[in-house]
Protein backbone atom coordinates (compact mmCIF):
# COMPACT_ATOMS: atom_id res chain seq x y z
CA MET A 1 18.61 -4.27 1.64
CA PHE A 2 18.02 -2.21 -1.48
CA SER A 3 21.11 -1.68 -3.60
CA GLN A 4 20.50 2.06 -3.96
CA ALA A 5 19.17 4.71 -1.57
CA SER A 6 18.74 8.42 -2.22
CA THR A 7 16.61 11.45 -1.42
CA LEU A 8 14.04 12.95 -3.76
CA GLN A 9 12.53 16.40 -3.31
CA SER A 10 8.77 16.44 -3.76
CA PRO A 11 6.70 19.46 -4.85
CA SER A 12 4.79 18.94 -1.59
CA GLY A 13 7.87 20.10 0.33
CA ALA A 14 8.83 16.63 1.54
CA SER A 15 12.30 15.18 1.28
CA LEU A 16 11.49 11.60 0.32
CA ALA A 17 13.65 8.68 1.39
CA LEU A 18 13.80 6.73 -1.88
CA ARG A 19 15.11 3.22 -2.50
CA HIS A 20 15.81 1.61 -5.86
CA GLU A 21 16.60 -1.87 -7.09
CA ALA A 22 17.69 -1.96 -10.74
CA ALA A 23 16.22 -4.45 -13.18
CA ARG A 24 18.33 -7.49 -14.00
CA GLY A 25 18.77 -8.25 -17.67
CA VAL A 26 16.52 -6.66 -20.26
CA PRO A 27 14.10 -4.29 -18.47
CA ARG A 28 10.42 -5.17 -18.72
CA GLY A 29 8.89 -2.37 -16.66
CA ILE A 30 8.85 -0.23 -13.53
CA LEU A 31 7.36 -1.30 -10.19
CA LEU A 32 6.48 1.38 -7.63
CA ILE A 33 5.88 0.27 -4.02
CA SER A 34 3.54 2.07 -1.61
CA HIS A 35 4.12 0.75 1.93
CA GLY A 36 1.63 0.34 4.76
CA LEU A 37 0.78 2.17 7.98
CA ALA A 38 3.46 2.50 10.66
CA GLU A 39 6.21 0.83 8.65
CA HIS A 40 8.68 1.86 5.91
CA SER A 41 9.94 0.98 2.45
CA ALA A 42 13.18 -0.76 3.48
CA ARG A 43 11.07 -3.73 4.58
CA TYR A 44 10.35 -4.47 0.90
CA ALA A 45 13.95 -5.23 -0.08
CA ALA A 46 13.46 -8.97 -0.67
CA PHE A 47 10.31 -8.33 -2.72
CA ALA A 48 12.15 -5.69 -4.74
CA ALA A 49 15.03 -8.08 -5.45
CA ARG A 50 12.58 -10.73 -6.65
CA LEU A 51 10.86 -8.35 -9.06
CA ALA A 52 14.17 -6.88 -10.21
CA ALA A 53 15.19 -10.41 -11.17
CA GLU A 54 12.09 -10.45 -13.39
CA GLY A 55 13.29 -7.33 -15.21
CA PHE A 56 11.52 -4.58 -13.27
CA HIS A 57 13.15 -1.40 -12.01
CA VAL A 58 11.76 -1.19 -8.47
CA TYR A 59 11.29 2.08 -6.57
CA ALA A 60 9.99 2.45 -3.02
CA HIS A 61 9.80 5.56 -0.87
CA ASP A 62 8.83 6.27 2.73
CA HIS A 63 5.49 8.04 2.94
CA ARG A 64 5.16 11.30 4.85
CA GLY A 65 5.24 10.73 8.59
CA HIS A 66 7.06 7.42 8.13
CA GLY A 67 10.59 6.08 8.03
CA PHE A 68 13.30 8.47 6.90
CA THR A 69 11.17 10.88 4.87
CA SER A 70 11.04 14.38 6.32
CA ALA A 71 8.72 17.32 5.75
CA PRO A 72 8.13 20.52 7.74
CA ASP A 73 4.44 19.68 8.13
CA ALA A 74 4.81 15.92 8.67
CA PRO A 75 6.36 14.71 11.92
CA ARG A 76 6.23 10.99 12.50
CA GLY A 77 2.65 9.76 12.48
CA GLN A 78 1.19 12.66 10.46
CA PHE A 79 0.74 13.18 6.72
CA ALA A 80 0.02 16.89 7.17
CA PRO A 81 -2.17 19.04 9.46
CA LYS A 82 -4.71 19.33 6.62
CA GLY A 83 -4.90 17.97 3.09
CA GLY A 84 -2.63 15.05 3.89
CA ILE A 85 -3.86 12.75 1.14
CA ALA A 86 -3.22 15.32 -1.58
CA ARG A 87 0.34 15.66 -0.35
CA VAL A 88 0.86 11.90 -0.21
CA ILE A 89 -0.37 11.61 -3.79
CA ALA A 90 1.90 14.48 -4.86
CA ASP A 91 4.84 12.62 -3.34
CA MET A 92 3.87 9.42 -5.14
CA ARG A 93 3.63 11.29 -8.42
CA ALA A 94 7.09 12.76 -7.87
CA VAL A 95 8.49 9.23 -7.48
CA ARG A 96 6.54 8.00 -10.50
CA ASP A 97 7.78 10.86 -12.69
CA HIS A 98 11.36 10.37 -11.46
CA ALA A 99 11.29 6.66 -12.29
CA ALA A 100 9.59 7.15 -15.67
CA ALA A 101 12.13 9.82 -16.65
CA ARG A 102 15.02 7.51 -15.75
CA HIS A 103 13.52 4.55 -17.63
CA PRO A 104 11.41 5.87 -20.52
CA GLY A 105 9.33 3.58 -22.67
CA LEU A 106 8.43 1.07 -19.95
CA PRO A 107 5.06 0.24 -18.36
CA VAL A 108 4.52 1.38 -14.77
CA VAL A 109 2.99 -0.98 -12.20
CA LEU A 110 1.90 0.54 -8.87
CA PHE A 111 1.84 -1.85 -5.89
CA GLY A 112 0.37 -0.98 -2.49
CA HIS A 113 0.13 -2.97 0.73
CA SER A 114 -2.58 -2.26 3.33
CA MET A 115 -2.67 1.54 3.84
CA GLY A 116 -0.34 1.71 0.85
CA GLY A 117 -3.03 0.01 -1.19
CA LEU A 118 -5.49 2.74 -0.21
CA MET A 119 -2.98 5.32 -1.43
CA ALA A 120 -2.26 3.37 -4.60
CA LEU A 121 -5.96 3.30 -5.49
CA ALA A 122 -6.24 7.01 -4.66
CA PHE A 123 -3.30 7.73 -6.95
CA ALA A 124 -4.78 5.64 -9.77
CA GLU A 125 -8.04 7.56 -9.53
CA ALA A 126 -6.32 10.95 -9.35
CA HIS A 127 -3.84 10.24 -12.18
CA PRO A 128 -5.30 7.39 -14.26
CA GLY A 129 -2.95 8.00 -17.17
CA ASP A 130 0.20 7.73 -15.08
CA ILE A 131 0.21 3.98 -14.43
CA ASP A 132 -0.38 0.90 -16.54
CA ALA A 133 -1.36 -1.60 -13.83
CA LEU A 134 -2.39 -1.53 -10.18
CA ALA A 135 -1.90 -4.01 -7.32
CA VAL A 136 -3.79 -3.58 -4.04
CA TRP A 137 -2.79 -6.12 -1.39
CA ASN A 138 -4.19 -6.67 2.10
CA SER A 139 -6.26 -3.46 2.04
CA ASN A 140 -9.65 -2.92 3.65
CA LEU A 141 -11.65 -0.62 1.42
CA ALA A 142 -14.95 -1.82 2.89
CA PRO A 143 -14.91 -0.83 6.59
CA GLY A 144 -18.69 -0.35 6.60
CA LEU A 145 -20.48 0.86 9.72
CA ALA A 146 -17.40 0.23 11.86
CA GLY A 147 -15.53 2.69 9.67
CA ARG A 148 -18.26 5.31 10.02
CA ALA A 149 -18.20 4.81 13.79
CA ALA A 150 -14.43 5.30 13.75
CA GLN A 151 -14.89 8.56 11.87
CA ALA A 152 -17.33 9.77 14.53
CA VAL A 153 -14.84 8.88 17.28
CA LEU A 154 -12.06 10.72 15.46
CA ALA A 155 -14.25 13.80 14.98
CA ALA A 156 -14.90 13.84 18.72
CA GLU A 157 -11.21 13.43 19.52
CA ARG A 158 -10.31 16.26 17.16
CA MET A 159 -12.86 18.53 18.82
CA LEU A 160 -11.70 17.65 22.34
CA LYS A 161 -7.93 17.61 21.99
CA GLY A 162 -6.96 18.56 18.44
CA SER A 163 -5.70 16.48 15.54
CA ASP A 164 -1.93 16.67 16.06
CA VAL A 165 -1.84 14.11 18.89
CA PRO A 166 -2.21 10.31 18.80
CA SER A 167 -5.70 8.87 18.96
CA ASP A 168 -6.55 7.21 22.25
CA VAL A 169 -9.21 4.99 20.73
CA LEU A 170 -8.25 3.95 17.18
CA PRO A 171 -5.20 1.85 18.13
CA ARG A 172 -7.45 -0.26 20.36
CA LEU A 173 -10.06 -0.64 17.61
CA THR A 174 -7.49 -1.61 14.96
CA PHE A 175 -4.06 -2.98 15.92
CA GLY A 176 -5.26 -3.98 19.39
CA ALA A 177 -8.40 -5.73 18.20
CA TRP A 178 -6.53 -7.47 15.39
CA GLY A 179 -3.96 -8.75 17.86
CA ARG A 180 -6.63 -10.07 20.21
CA SER A 181 -8.29 -11.96 17.35
CA ILE A 182 -5.38 -14.42 17.12
CA ALA A 183 -5.87 -17.44 19.36
CA ASN A 184 -2.84 -18.58 21.39
CA ARG A 185 -0.89 -15.55 20.26
CA ARG A 186 2.75 -15.21 21.24
CA THR A 187 2.81 -11.41 20.79
CA ASP A 188 0.30 -8.63 20.11
CA PHE A 189 1.54 -8.51 16.50
CA ASP A 190 1.03 -12.15 15.56
CA TRP A 191 -1.83 -10.96 13.32
CA LEU A 192 0.84 -9.78 10.86
CA SER A 193 2.38 -13.16 10.02
CA HIS A 194 2.81 -16.79 11.03
CA ASP A 195 6.60 -16.34 10.88
CA PRO A 196 7.90 -15.56 14.40
CA ALA A 197 11.15 -14.10 13.03
CA GLU A 198 9.26 -11.58 10.89
CA VAL A 199 6.98 -10.63 13.77
CA ASP A 200 9.97 -10.15 16.08
CA ALA A 201 11.76 -8.05 13.45
CA TYR A 202 8.72 -5.78 13.18
CA ILE A 203 8.51 -5.37 16.96
CA ALA A 204 12.24 -4.61 17.21
CA ASP A 205 12.18 -2.05 14.38
CA PRO A 206 11.93 1.48 15.85
CA HIS A 207 10.28 2.64 12.61
CA CYS A 208 7.41 0.14 12.87
CA GLY A 209 4.31 -0.12 15.01
CA PHE A 210 4.22 3.48 16.22
CA ASP A 211 1.06 5.43 17.02
CA VAL A 212 -0.21 7.85 14.40
CA ASN A 213 -2.11 11.03 15.14
CA VAL A 214 -5.77 11.87 14.80
CA ALA A 215 -5.20 13.78 11.55
CA MET A 216 -3.66 10.74 9.85
CA TRP A 217 -6.48 8.46 10.95
CA ILE A 218 -9.00 10.99 9.63
CA ASP A 219 -7.17 11.08 6.30
CA ILE A 220 -7.08 7.28 6.07
CA PHE A 221 -10.81 6.81 6.62
CA ALA A 222 -11.68 9.69 4.30
CA VAL A 223 -9.65 8.27 1.42
CA THR A 224 -11.02 4.78 2.09
CA PHE A 225 -14.65 5.81 1.68
CA ALA A 226 -14.04 8.27 -1.16
CA ASN A 227 -11.96 6.03 -3.39
CA ALA A 228 -13.95 2.82 -2.94
CA SER A 229 -17.16 4.60 -3.94
CA ALA A 230 -18.78 4.10 -7.34
CA GLN A 231 -17.82 7.66 -8.27
CA GLY A 232 -14.19 7.06 -7.36
CA LEU A 233 -13.88 3.72 -9.12
CA ALA A 234 -15.50 5.17 -12.26
CA ARG A 235 -12.35 7.25 -12.73
CA LEU A 236 -10.24 4.15 -13.38
CA PRO A 237 -9.58 3.16 -17.01
CA ARG A 238 -11.81 0.21 -17.84
CA ARG A 239 -8.94 -1.93 -19.13
CA LEU A 240 -6.53 -1.19 -16.28
CA PRO A 241 -5.12 -4.52 -15.02
CA ILE A 242 -5.76 -4.80 -11.27
CA HIS A 243 -4.30 -7.41 -8.91
CA LEU A 244 -5.97 -7.95 -5.52
CA VAL A 245 -4.60 -10.17 -2.75
CA GLY A 246 -5.79 -10.94 0.76
CA GLY A 247 -5.57 -13.59 3.44
CA GLU A 248 -8.29 -15.69 5.05
CA GLU A 249 -6.61 -15.20 8.44
CA ASP A 250 -6.14 -11.43 8.16
CA PRO A 251 -8.31 -9.60 10.71
CA ALA A 252 -7.46 -6.22 9.14
CA THR A 253 -9.43 -7.15 6.01
CA ASP A 254 -12.23 -8.95 7.86
CA PHE A 255 -10.47 -12.22 7.07
CA GLY A 256 -10.32 -11.49 3.35
CA ARG A 257 -13.95 -10.53 2.94
CA ALA A 258 -13.09 -6.87 2.29
CA VAL A 259 -10.89 -7.94 -0.64
CA HIS A 260 -13.81 -9.78 -2.23
CA VAL A 261 -16.04 -6.74 -1.66
CA LEU A 262 -13.57 -4.51 -3.49
CA ALA A 263 -13.33 -7.01 -6.35
CA GLY A 264 -17.10 -6.96 -6.67
CA ARG A 265 -17.21 -3.18 -6.73
CA LEU A 266 -14.51 -3.05 -9.41
CA LYS A 267 -16.40 -5.49 -11.59
CA LYS A 268 -19.64 -3.59 -11.03
CA SER A 269 -17.77 -0.50 -12.24
CA ARG A 270 -17.00 -2.49 -15.41
CA LEU A 271 -13.30 -2.94 -14.81
CA GLU A 272 -12.41 -5.69 -17.27
CA ASP A 273 -9.14 -7.12 -15.93
CA VAL A 274 -9.37 -7.83 -12.19
CA THR A 275 -7.38 -10.72 -10.66
CA THR A 276 -8.39 -11.61 -7.09
CA THR A 277 -6.82 -14.18 -4.76
CA VAL A 278 -7.55 -14.60 -1.06
CA TYR A 279 -5.07 -17.14 0.26
CA ARG A 280 -5.89 -19.78 2.85
CA GLY A 281 -3.79 -19.54 5.99
CA MET A 282 -2.48 -16.07 5.14
CA ARG A 283 -2.42 -13.29 7.73
CA HIS A 284 -1.94 -9.58 7.04
CA GLU A 285 1.57 -9.21 5.63
CA THR A 286 1.69 -11.52 2.64
CA LEU A 287 5.27 -10.48 1.87
CA LYS A 288 6.38 -11.35 5.41
CA GLU A 289 4.53 -14.64 5.75
CA SER A 290 6.26 -17.99 6.19
CA ARG A 291 7.83 -19.11 2.91
CA PRO A 292 5.31 -21.84 2.03
CA LEU A 293 2.61 -19.16 2.10
CA ARG A 294 4.59 -16.21 0.75
CA ASP A 295 6.46 -17.73 -2.19
CA PRO A 296 3.43 -18.88 -4.22
CA ALA A 297 1.83 -15.45 -3.82
CA VAL A 298 4.97 -13.62 -4.94
CA ASP A 299 5.50 -16.04 -7.83
CA ALA A 300 1.92 -15.48 -9.00
CA PHE A 301 2.38 -11.72 -8.80
CA ALA A 302 5.65 -11.89 -10.74
CA GLY A 303 3.87 -13.85 -13.45
CA TRP A 304 1.06 -11.31 -13.54
CA CYS A 305 3.60 -8.47 -13.88
CA ARG A 306 5.28 -10.27 -16.78
CA ARG A 307 1.94 -10.69 -18.53
CA VAL A 308 1.07 -7.03 -17.97
CA ALA A 309 4.41 -5.94 -19.42
CA GLU A 310 4.09 -8.26 -22.42
CA ALA A 311 0.56 -7.06 -23.18
CA TRP A 312 1.69 -3.44 -22.86
CA THR A 313 4.55 -4.06 -25.30
CA ARG A 314 2.22 -5.70 -27.84
CA ALA A 315 -0.30 -2.84 -27.73
CA PRO A 316 -0.31 -0.92 -31.04
CA GLU A 317 0.48 2.38 -29.36
CA HIS A 318 3.68 0.91 -27.87
CA ALA A 319 4.77 -1.44 -30.66
């Protein structure tokens, strides 16, 4: 578990459940974690401890509609009735500003997994001067025609029954389909990881795997298409270091193909420092995979973070 837990008030009106792991030794930087859909930030404790050991102050909060964060307009499974993405980004900026104020003079790395990667990219495009590096792991920012079809389904559901109720269709098209893609599966969530203990922990966690409402699904697809567009990516600083990770056995990213598509779009947008790795044998949750798969990925990321911090320190404006 994280060594520190607190509550942070966001300008959006949310009371954010915030977790912190302090850097060990001489601090190198700040790492902000943006978690995925239907989970929560406490699941990142081991990852936070690993990066804290590398000298990073690690902060992770529960997004609106998730975990222990509360907001008057965000029951579980909903960012907000309308304008949910703007509120999520406002919450992320509140955490970023809180961390930067507590640890001035350090580079800020923003890490996002899956849905959290969508939000991390959205934040980077909305506030490009607020972070110094970006990591987007296991995120599908290239849903293509299937994504457009999902938007049409969601529009019909909103018209027929409103947006504040769970979608009847999207869980079957996403979590359900991903589960069915795994041959000889033991559970419907084997698509997450090869590690049975991690899959069982996810299933047993009352704050994981819940249905989200139509409004949240609409927000997710809207931000996916907007921020992976050429216009969205053009807002990123050209020299921003970006770290992409996926898995060849992850159905949520079209078995890693969506990660390569995003890398290509970033390079086409003239981003100069993009690191991309799609791991063999990896399913969706890299950080919850079996150790022989997980540890090399985390070690590589830790090394990348060190290099980012060292380059930031050597830059003339920070020397």
